[in-house]
Amino acid sequence: MRVKRLIVLIGALVIGIALTALIIYGNIPLPFVIPGLNITHIGFNTTPEKFAYSNVLLLVLSLSGIAFIWLDYFLDTQFLKR
C-alpha cells in the first residue's frame, strides 16, 4: 500500500509538471478550428517569466490535483475516502 501511495504522490506531481510545461511551451496545431472561439492550437508558446510564476504554480497545483484524484481512484489507495 505504501508503494502505491508513493506512486500516486510522485505520479501526480510529475503529470502536473509535464502538462504545465506542455501548456506553457507548447504550440500544437489542431486539425480543425473550433467555431466561434477561433482556437487553432493548444498551448501558449511562451516562457514562465511571461506567463507569470504565480500562474505557473496554480497550473501545476490544479493539474496535479486532478491527476492525484484519478490515480487514487485507479490504484485504489483510498487517500480520498469514498
PDB file of N, CA and C in Angstrom:
ATOM      1  N   MET A   1       0.828  -1.188   0.000  1.00  0.00           N
ATOM      2  CA  MET A   1       0.000   0.000   0.000  1.00  0.00           C
ATOM      3  C   MET A   1       0.877   1.257   0.000  1.00  0.00           C
ATOM      4  N   ARG A   2       1.996   1.222   0.721  1.00  0.00           N
ATOM      5  CA  ARG A   2       2.872   2.393   0.764  1.00  0.00           C
ATOM      6  C   ARG A   2       3.469   2.700  -0.600  1.00  0.00           C
ATOM      7  N   VAL A   3       3.805   1.658  -1.343  1.00  0.00           N
ATOM      8  CA  VAL A   3       4.369   1.857  -2.683  1.00  0.00           C
ATOM      9  C   VAL A   3       3.328   2.479  -3.596  1.00  0.00           C
ATOM     10  N   LYS A   4       2.099   2.002  -3.521  1.00  0.00           N
ATOM     11  CA  LYS A   4       1.028   2.559  -4.350  1.00  0.00           C
ATOM     12  C   LYS A   4       0.772   4.019  -3.991  1.00  0.00           C
ATOM     13  N   ARG A   5       0.806   4.341  -2.718  1.00  0.00           N
ATOM     14  CA  ARG A   5       0.586   5.728  -2.302  1.00  0.00           C
ATOM     15  C   ARG A   5       1.730   6.626  -2.741  1.00  0.00           C
ATOM     16  N   LEU A   6       2.945   6.118  -2.711  1.00  0.00           N
ATOM     17  CA  LEU A   6       4.092   6.873  -3.192  1.00  0.00           C
ATOM     18  C   LEU A   6       3.998   7.104  -4.697  1.00  0.00           C
ATOM     19  N   ILE A   7       3.533   6.087  -5.418  1.00  0.00           N
ATOM     20  CA  ILE A   7       3.329   6.230  -6.867  1.00  0.00           C
ATOM     21  C   ILE A   7       2.286   7.306  -7.146  1.00  0.00           C
ATOM     22  N   VAL A   8       1.220   7.338  -6.351  1.00  0.00           N
ATOM     23  CA  VAL A   8       0.171   8.346  -6.539  1.00  0.00           C
ATOM     24  C   VAL A   8       0.736   9.744  -6.315  1.00  0.00           C
ATOM     25  N   LEU A   9       1.478   9.943  -5.249  1.00  0.00           N
ATOM     26  CA  LEU A   9       2.016  11.268  -4.935  1.00  0.00           C
ATOM     27  C   LEU A   9       3.022  11.742  -5.982  1.00  0.00           C
ATOM     28  N   ILE A  10       3.997  10.900  -6.290  1.00  0.00           N
ATOM     29  CA  ILE A  10       5.031  11.282  -7.246  1.00  0.00           C
ATOM     30  C   ILE A  10       4.452  11.364  -8.655  1.00  0.00           C
ATOM     31  N   GLY A  11       3.604  10.417  -9.010  1.00  0.00           N
ATOM     32  CA  GLY A  11       2.997  10.420 -10.335  1.00  0.00           C
ATOM     33  C   GLY A  11       2.157  11.653 -10.583  1.00  0.00           C
ATOM     34  N   ALA A  12       1.381  12.073  -9.592  1.00  0.00           N
ATOM     35  CA  ALA A  12       0.547  13.267  -9.737  1.00  0.00           C
ATOM     36  C   ALA A  12       1.414  14.507  -9.941  1.00  0.00           C
ATOM     37  N   LEU A  13       2.498  14.610  -9.202  1.00  0.00           N
ATOM     38  CA  LEU A  13       3.391  15.757  -9.345  1.00  0.00           C
ATOM     39  C   LEU A  13       4.073  15.771 -10.711  1.00  0.00           C
ATOM     40  N   VAL A  14       4.527  14.614 -11.165  1.00  0.00           N
ATOM     41  CA  VAL A  14       5.179  14.524 -12.480  1.00  0.00           C
ATOM     42  C   VAL A  14       4.190  14.864 -13.594  1.00  0.00           C
ATOM     43  N   ILE A  15       2.984  14.345 -13.501  1.00  0.00           N
ATOM     44  CA  ILE A  15       1.962  14.637 -14.513  1.00  0.00           C
ATOM     45  C   ILE A  15       1.632  16.128 -14.515  1.00  0.00           C
ATOM     46  N   GLY A  16       1.496  16.723 -13.346  1.00  0.00           N
ATOM     47  CA  GLY A  16       1.197  18.151 -13.257  1.00  0.00           C
ATOM     48  C   GLY A  16       2.291  19.014 -13.866  1.00  0.00           C
ATOM     49  N   ILE A  17       3.547  18.687 -13.594  1.00  0.00           N
ATOM     50  CA  ILE A  17       4.664  19.452 -14.155  1.00  0.00           C
ATOM     51  C   ILE A  17       4.751  19.260 -15.662  1.00  0.00           C
ATOM     52  N   ALA A  18       4.573  18.033 -16.122  1.00  0.00           N
ATOM     53  CA  ALA A  18       4.658  17.769 -17.563  1.00  0.00           C
ATOM     54  C   ALA A  18       3.552  18.476 -18.336  1.00  0.00           C
ATOM     55  N   LEU A  19       2.331  18.413 -17.839  1.00  0.00           N
ATOM     56  CA  LEU A  19       1.227  19.082 -18.533  1.00  0.00           C
ATOM     57  C   LEU A  19       1.355  20.599 -18.477  1.00  0.00           C
ATOM     58  N   THR A  20       1.874  21.120 -17.375  1.00  0.00           N
ATOM     59  CA  THR A  20       2.109  22.556 -17.282  1.00  0.00           C
ATOM     60  C   THR A  20       3.141  23.006 -18.306  1.00  0.00           C
ATOM     61  N   ALA A  21       4.225  22.247 -18.428  1.00  0.00           N
ATOM     62  CA  ALA A  21       5.249  22.578 -19.427  1.00  0.00           C
ATOM     63  C   ALA A  21       4.658  22.519 -20.831  1.00  0.00           C
ATOM     64  N   LEU A  22       3.821  21.535 -21.089  1.00  0.00           N
ATOM     65  CA  LEU A  22       3.191  21.420 -22.401  1.00  0.00           C
ATOM     66  C   LEU A  22       2.297  22.620 -22.693  1.00  0.00           C
ATOM     67  N   ILE A  23       1.543  23.051 -21.712  1.00  0.00           N
ATOM     68  CA  ILE A  23       0.631  24.179 -21.913  1.00  0.00           C
ATOM     69  C   ILE A  23       1.409  25.484 -22.099  1.00  0.00           C
ATOM     70  N   ILE A  24       2.463  25.691 -21.322  1.00  0.00           N
ATOM     71  CA  ILE A  24       3.210  26.946 -21.411  1.00  0.00           C
ATOM     72  C   ILE A  24       4.070  26.995 -22.667  1.00  0.00           C
ATOM     73  N   TYR A  25       4.871  25.957 -22.904  1.00  0.00           N
ATOM     74  CA  TYR A  25       5.814  25.972 -24.017  1.00  0.00           C
ATOM     75  C   TYR A  25       5.203  25.502 -25.336  1.00  0.00           C
ATOM     76  N   GLY A  26       4.106  24.783 -25.259  1.00  0.00           N
ATOM     77  CA  GLY A  26       3.554  24.127 -26.435  1.00  0.00           C
ATOM     78  C   GLY A  26       2.884  25.062 -27.425  1.00  0.00           C
ATOM     79  N   ASN A  27       2.880  24.620 -28.648  1.00  0.00           N
ATOM     80  CA  ASN A  27       2.148  25.290 -29.716  1.00  0.00           C
ATOM     81  C   ASN A  27       1.718  24.200 -30.694  1.00  0.00           C
ATOM     82  N   ILE A  28       0.804  23.363 -30.254  1.00  0.00           N
ATOM     83  CA  ILE A  28       0.374  22.205 -31.026  1.00  0.00           C
ATOM     84  C   ILE A  28      -0.824  22.603 -31.884  1.00  0.00           C
ATOM     85  N   PRO A  29      -0.682  22.576 -33.209  1.00  0.00           N
ATOM     86  CA  PRO A  29      -1.812  22.959 -34.061  1.00  0.00           C
ATOM     87  C   PRO A  29      -2.923  21.904 -34.032  1.00  0.00           C
ATOM     88  N   LEU A  30      -4.147  22.374 -34.044  1.00  0.00           N
ATOM     89  CA  LEU A  30      -5.295  21.479 -34.107  1.00  0.00           C
ATOM     90  C   LEU A  30      -5.654  21.224 -35.569  1.00  0.00           C
ATOM     91  N   PRO A  31      -6.193  20.043 -35.877  1.00  0.00           N
ATOM     92  CA  PRO A  31      -6.555  19.766 -37.268  1.00  0.00           C
ATOM     93  C   PRO A  31      -7.817  20.507 -37.719  1.00  0.00           C
ATOM     94  N   PHE A  32      -8.445  21.218 -36.812  1.00  0.00           N
ATOM     95  CA  PHE A  32      -9.665  21.956 -37.123  1.00  0.00           C
ATOM     96  C   PHE A  32      -9.695  23.224 -36.266  1.00  0.00           C
ATOM     97  N   VAL A  33     -10.524  24.165 -36.629  1.00  0.00           N
ATOM     98  CA  VAL A  33     -10.711  25.396 -35.853  1.00  0.00           C
ATOM     99  C   VAL A  33     -12.016  25.262 -35.093  1.00  0.00           C
ATOM    100  N   ILE A  34     -11.980  25.564 -33.811  1.00  0.00           N
ATOM    101  CA  ILE A  34     -13.189  25.498 -33.002  1.00  0.00           C
ATOM    102  C   ILE A  34     -14.043  26.720 -33.349  1.00  0.00           C
ATOM    103  N   PRO A  35     -15.233  26.498 -33.908  1.00  0.00           N
ATOM    104  CA  PRO A  35     -16.065  27.621 -34.370  1.00  0.00           C
ATOM    105  C   PRO A  35     -16.459  28.554 -33.232  1.00  0.00           C
ATOM    106  N   GLY A  36     -16.477  29.815 -33.520  1.00  0.00           N
ATOM    107  CA  GLY A  36     -16.886  30.811 -32.543  1.00  0.00           C
ATOM    108  C   GLY A  36     -15.780  31.247 -31.607  1.00  0.00           C
ATOM    109  N   LEU A  37     -14.851  30.366 -31.296  1.00  0.00           N
ATOM    110  CA  LEU A  37     -13.761  30.698 -30.385  1.00  0.00           C
ATOM    111  C   LEU A  37     -12.453  30.998 -31.122  1.00  0.00           C
ATOM    112  N   ASN A  38     -12.342  30.564 -32.371  1.00  0.00           N
ATOM    113  CA  ASN A  38     -11.158  30.765 -33.198  1.00  0.00           C
ATOM    114  C   ASN A  38      -9.902  30.177 -32.543  1.00  0.00           C
ATOM    115  N   ILE A  39     -10.027  28.996 -31.961  1.00  0.00           N
ATOM    116  CA  ILE A  39      -8.891  28.309 -31.349  1.00  0.00           C
ATOM    117  C   ILE A  39      -8.260  27.418 -32.401  1.00  0.00           C
ATOM    118  N   THR A  40      -6.991  27.671 -32.692  1.00  0.00           N
ATOM    119  CA  THR A  40      -6.306  26.926 -33.747  1.00  0.00           C
ATOM    120  C   THR A  40      -5.171  26.058 -33.230  1.00  0.00           C
ATOM    121  N   HIS A  41      -4.786  26.233 -31.961  1.00  0.00           N
ATOM    122  CA  HIS A  41      -3.691  25.439 -31.407  1.00  0.00           C
ATOM    123  C   HIS A  41      -3.855  25.297 -29.892  1.00  0.00           C
ATOM    124  N   ILE A  42      -3.096  24.355 -29.332  1.00  0.00           N
ATOM    125  CA  ILE A  42      -3.087  24.136 -27.889  1.00  0.00           C
ATOM    126  C   ILE A  42      -1.746  24.619 -27.355  1.00  0.00           C
ATOM    127  N   GLY A  43      -1.757  25.390 -26.313  1.00  0.00           N
ATOM    128  CA  GLY A  43      -0.538  25.903 -25.718  1.00  0.00           C
ATOM    129  C   GLY A  43      -0.378  27.389 -25.969  1.00  0.00           C
ATOM    130  N   PHE A  44       0.514  28.002 -25.187  1.00  0.00           N
ATOM    131  CA  PHE A  44       0.706  29.442 -25.262  1.00  0.00           C
ATOM    132  C   PHE A  44       1.982  29.847 -25.984  1.00  0.00           C
ATOM    133  N   ASN A  45       2.907  28.900 -26.203  1.00  0.00           N
ATOM    134  CA  ASN A  45       4.162  29.180 -26.906  1.00  0.00           C
ATOM    135  C   ASN A  45       4.885  30.367 -26.269  1.00  0.00           C
ATOM    136  N   THR A  46       5.111  30.289 -24.956  1.00  0.00           N
ATOM    137  CA  THR A  46       5.725  31.387 -24.220  1.00  0.00           C
ATOM    138  C   THR A  46       6.711  30.820 -23.198  1.00  0.00           C
ATOM    139  N   THR A  47       7.120  31.624 -22.243  1.00  0.00           N
ATOM    140  CA  THR A  47       8.025  31.196 -21.180  1.00  0.00           C
ATOM    141  C   THR A  47       7.349  31.438 -19.833  1.00  0.00           C
ATOM    142  N   PRO A  48       7.823  30.782 -18.769  1.00  0.00           N
ATOM    143  CA  PRO A  48       7.210  31.008 -17.450  1.00  0.00           C
ATOM    144  C   PRO A  48       7.319  32.462 -16.983  1.00  0.00           C
ATOM    145  N   GLU A  49       8.378  33.171 -17.395  1.00  0.00           N
ATOM    146  CA  GLU A  49       8.520  34.565 -16.985  1.00  0.00           C
ATOM    147  C   GLU A  49       7.382  35.419 -17.558  1.00  0.00           C
ATOM    148  N   LYS A  50       7.055  35.204 -18.812  1.00  0.00           N
ATOM    149  CA  LYS A  50       5.977  35.965 -19.439  1.00  0.00           C
ATOM    150  C   LYS A  50       4.607  35.480 -18.986  1.00  0.00           C
ATOM    151  N   PHE A  51       4.521  34.215 -18.595  1.00  0.00           N
ATOM    152  CA  PHE A  51       3.256  33.619 -18.172  1.00  0.00           C
ATOM    153  C   PHE A  51       2.915  33.991 -16.736  1.00  0.00           C
ATOM    154  N   ALA A  52       3.870  34.410 -15.962  1.00  0.00           N
ATOM    155  CA  ALA A  52       3.769  34.774 -14.539  1.00  0.00           C
ATOM    156  C   ALA A  52       3.928  33.532 -13.668  1.00  0.00           C
ATOM    157  N   TYR A  53       4.880  33.595 -12.773  1.00  0.00           N
ATOM    158  CA  TYR A  53       5.197  32.442 -11.929  1.00  0.00           C
ATOM    159  C   TYR A  53       4.025  32.000 -11.067  1.00  0.00           C
ATOM    160  N   SER A  54       3.214  32.942 -10.608  1.00  0.00           N
ATOM    161  CA  SER A  54       2.070  32.557  -9.781  1.00  0.00           C
ATOM    162  C   SER A  54       1.080  31.728 -10.587  1.00  0.00           C
ATOM    163  N   ASN A  55       0.899  32.064 -11.858  1.00  0.00           N
ATOM    164  CA  ASN A  55       0.006  31.273 -12.701  1.00  0.00           C
ATOM    165  C   ASN A  55       0.587  29.896 -12.983  1.00  0.00           C
ATOM    166  N   VAL A  56       1.907  29.809 -13.104  1.00  0.00           N
ATOM    167  CA  VAL A  56       2.557  28.516 -13.312  1.00  0.00           C
ATOM    168  C   VAL A  56       2.308  27.627 -12.102  1.00  0.00           C
ATOM    169  N   LEU A  57       2.471  28.181 -10.911  1.00  0.00           N
ATOM    170  CA  LEU A  57       2.239  27.411  -9.686  1.00  0.00           C
ATOM    171  C   LEU A  57       0.791  26.946  -9.587  1.00  0.00           C
ATOM    172  N   LEU A  58      -0.145  27.830  -9.897  1.00  0.00           N
ATOM    173  CA  LEU A  58      -1.557  27.448  -9.859  1.00  0.00           C
ATOM    174  C   LEU A  58      -1.878  26.359 -10.876  1.00  0.00           C
ATOM    175  N   LEU A  59      -1.267  26.441 -12.042  1.00  0.00           N
ATOM    176  CA  LEU A  59      -1.490  25.435 -13.066  1.00  0.00           C
ATOM    177  C   LEU A  59      -0.936  24.081 -12.634  1.00  0.00           C
ATOM    178  N   VAL A  60       0.273  24.073 -12.060  1.00  0.00           N
ATOM    179  CA  VAL A  60       0.859  22.818 -11.567  1.00  0.00           C
ATOM    180  C   VAL A  60      -0.018  22.223 -10.468  1.00  0.00           C
ATOM    181  N   LEU A  61      -0.450  23.044  -9.532  1.00  0.00           N
ATOM    182  CA  LEU A  61      -1.282  22.543  -8.430  1.00  0.00           C
ATOM    183  C   LEU A  61      -2.614  21.982  -8.922  1.00  0.00           C
ATOM    184  N   SER A  62      -3.255  22.675  -9.843  1.00  0.00           N
ATOM    185  CA  SER A  62      -4.555  22.205 -10.302  1.00  0.00           C
ATOM    186  C   SER A  62      -4.435  20.923 -11.126  1.00  0.00           C
ATOM    187  N   LEU A  63      -3.460  20.858 -12.027  1.00  0.00           N
ATOM    188  CA  LEU A  63      -3.297  19.651 -12.836  1.00  0.00           C
ATOM    189  C   LEU A  63      -2.819  18.465 -11.986  1.00  0.00           C
ATOM    190  N   SER A  64      -1.962  18.747 -11.015  1.00  0.00           N
ATOM    191  CA  SER A  64      -1.521  17.677 -10.110  1.00  0.00           C
ATOM    192  C   SER A  64      -2.680  17.178  -9.259  1.00  0.00           C
ATOM    193  N   GLY A  65      -3.542  18.091  -8.840  1.00  0.00           N
ATOM    194  CA  GLY A  65      -4.706  17.695  -8.047  1.00  0.00           C
ATOM    195  C   GLY A  65      -5.647  16.782  -8.803  1.00  0.00           C
ATOM    196  N   ILE A  66      -5.883  17.114 -10.061  1.00  0.00           N
ATOM    197  CA  ILE A  66      -6.747  16.266 -10.887  1.00  0.00           C
ATOM    198  C   ILE A  66      -6.095  14.904 -11.105  1.00  0.00           C
ATOM    199  N   ALA A  67      -4.796  14.900 -11.391  1.00  0.00           N
ATOM    200  CA  ALA A  67      -4.079  13.632 -11.581  1.00  0.00           C
ATOM    201  C   ALA A  67      -4.087  12.813 -10.291  1.00  0.00           C
ATOM    202  N   PHE A  68      -3.936  13.487  -9.141  1.00  0.00           N
ATOM    203  CA  PHE A  68      -3.956  12.797  -7.852  1.00  0.00           C
ATOM    204  C   PHE A  68      -5.287  12.088  -7.629  1.00  0.00           C
ATOM    205  N   ILE A  69      -6.377  12.762  -7.919  1.00  0.00           N
ATOM    206  CA  ILE A  69      -7.702  12.165  -7.732  1.00  0.00           C
ATOM    207  C   ILE A  69      -7.865  10.919  -8.594  1.00  0.00           C
ATOM    208  N   TRP A  70      -7.482  11.004  -9.876  1.00  0.00           N
ATOM    209  CA  TRP A  70      -7.645   9.865 -10.768  1.00  0.00           C
ATOM    210  C   TRP A  70      -6.684   8.727 -10.440  1.00  0.00           C
ATOM    211  N   LEU A  71      -5.453   9.048 -10.083  1.00  0.00           N
ATOM    212  CA  LEU A  71      -4.513   7.985  -9.706  1.00  0.00           C
ATOM    213  C   LEU A  71      -4.969   7.303  -8.421  1.00  0.00           C
ATOM    214  N   ASP A  72      -5.483   8.072  -7.473  1.00  0.00           N
ATOM    215  CA  ASP A  72      -6.009   7.494  -6.240  1.00  0.00           C
ATOM    216  C   ASP A  72      -7.169   6.551  -6.541  1.00  0.00           C
ATOM    217  N   TYR A  73      -8.013   6.940  -7.469  1.00  0.00           N
ATOM    218  CA  TYR A  73      -9.156   6.104  -7.833  1.00  0.00           C
ATOM    219  C   TYR A  73      -8.703   4.817  -8.533  1.00  0.00           C
ATOM    220  N   PHE A  74      -7.827   4.944  -9.530  1.00  0.00           N
ATOM    221  CA  PHE A  74      -7.415   3.774 -10.304  1.00  0.00           C
ATOM    222  C   PHE A  74      -6.528   2.814  -9.505  1.00  0.00           C
ATOM    223  N   LEU A  75      -5.672   3.342  -8.637  1.00  0.00           N
ATOM    224  CA  LEU A  75      -4.794   2.474  -7.852  1.00  0.00           C
ATOM    225  C   LEU A  75      -5.417   2.063  -6.525  1.00  0.00           C
ATOM    226  N   ASP A  76      -6.603   2.596  -6.215  1.00  0.00           N
ATOM    227  CA  ASP A  76      -7.364   2.246  -5.012  1.00  0.00           C
ATOM    228  C   ASP A  76      -6.530   2.380  -3.739  1.00  0.00           C
ATOM    229  N   THR A  77      -5.879   3.543  -3.570  1.00  0.00           N
ATOM    230  CA  THR A  77      -5.073   3.775  -2.370  1.00  0.00           C
ATOM    231  C   THR A  77      -5.881   4.359  -1.229  1.00  0.00           C
ATOM    232  N   GLN A  78      -7.066   4.833  -1.494  1.00  0.00           N
ATOM    233  CA  GLN A  78      -8.009   5.345  -0.517  1.00  0.00           C
ATOM    234  C   GLN A  78      -7.447   6.540   0.271  1.00  0.00           C
ATOM    235  N   PHE A  79      -6.651   7.397  -0.407  1.00  0.00           N
ATOM    236  CA  PHE A  79      -6.313   8.681   0.198  1.00  0.00           C
ATOM    237  C   PHE A  79      -7.599   9.453   0.424  1.00  0.00           C
ATOM    238  N   LEU A  80      -8.436   9.444  -0.590  1.00  0.00           N
ATOM    239  CA  LEU A  80      -9.736  10.112  -0.517  1.00  0.00           C
ATOM    240  C   LEU A  80     -10.791   9.053  -0.205  1.00  0.00           C
ATOM    241  N   LYS A  81     -11.456   9.211   0.889  1.00  0.00           N
ATOM    242  CA  LYS A  81     -12.456   8.225   1.298  1.00  0.00           C
ATOM    243  C   LYS A  81     -13.676   8.316   0.404  1.00  0.00           C
ATOM    244  N   ARG A  82     -14.272   7.156   0.128  1.00  0.00           N
ATOM    245  CA  ARG A  82     -15.479   7.119  -0.712  1.00  0.00           C
ATOM    246  C   ARG A  82     -16.713   6.995   0.118  1.00  0.00           C
TER     247      ARG A  82
END
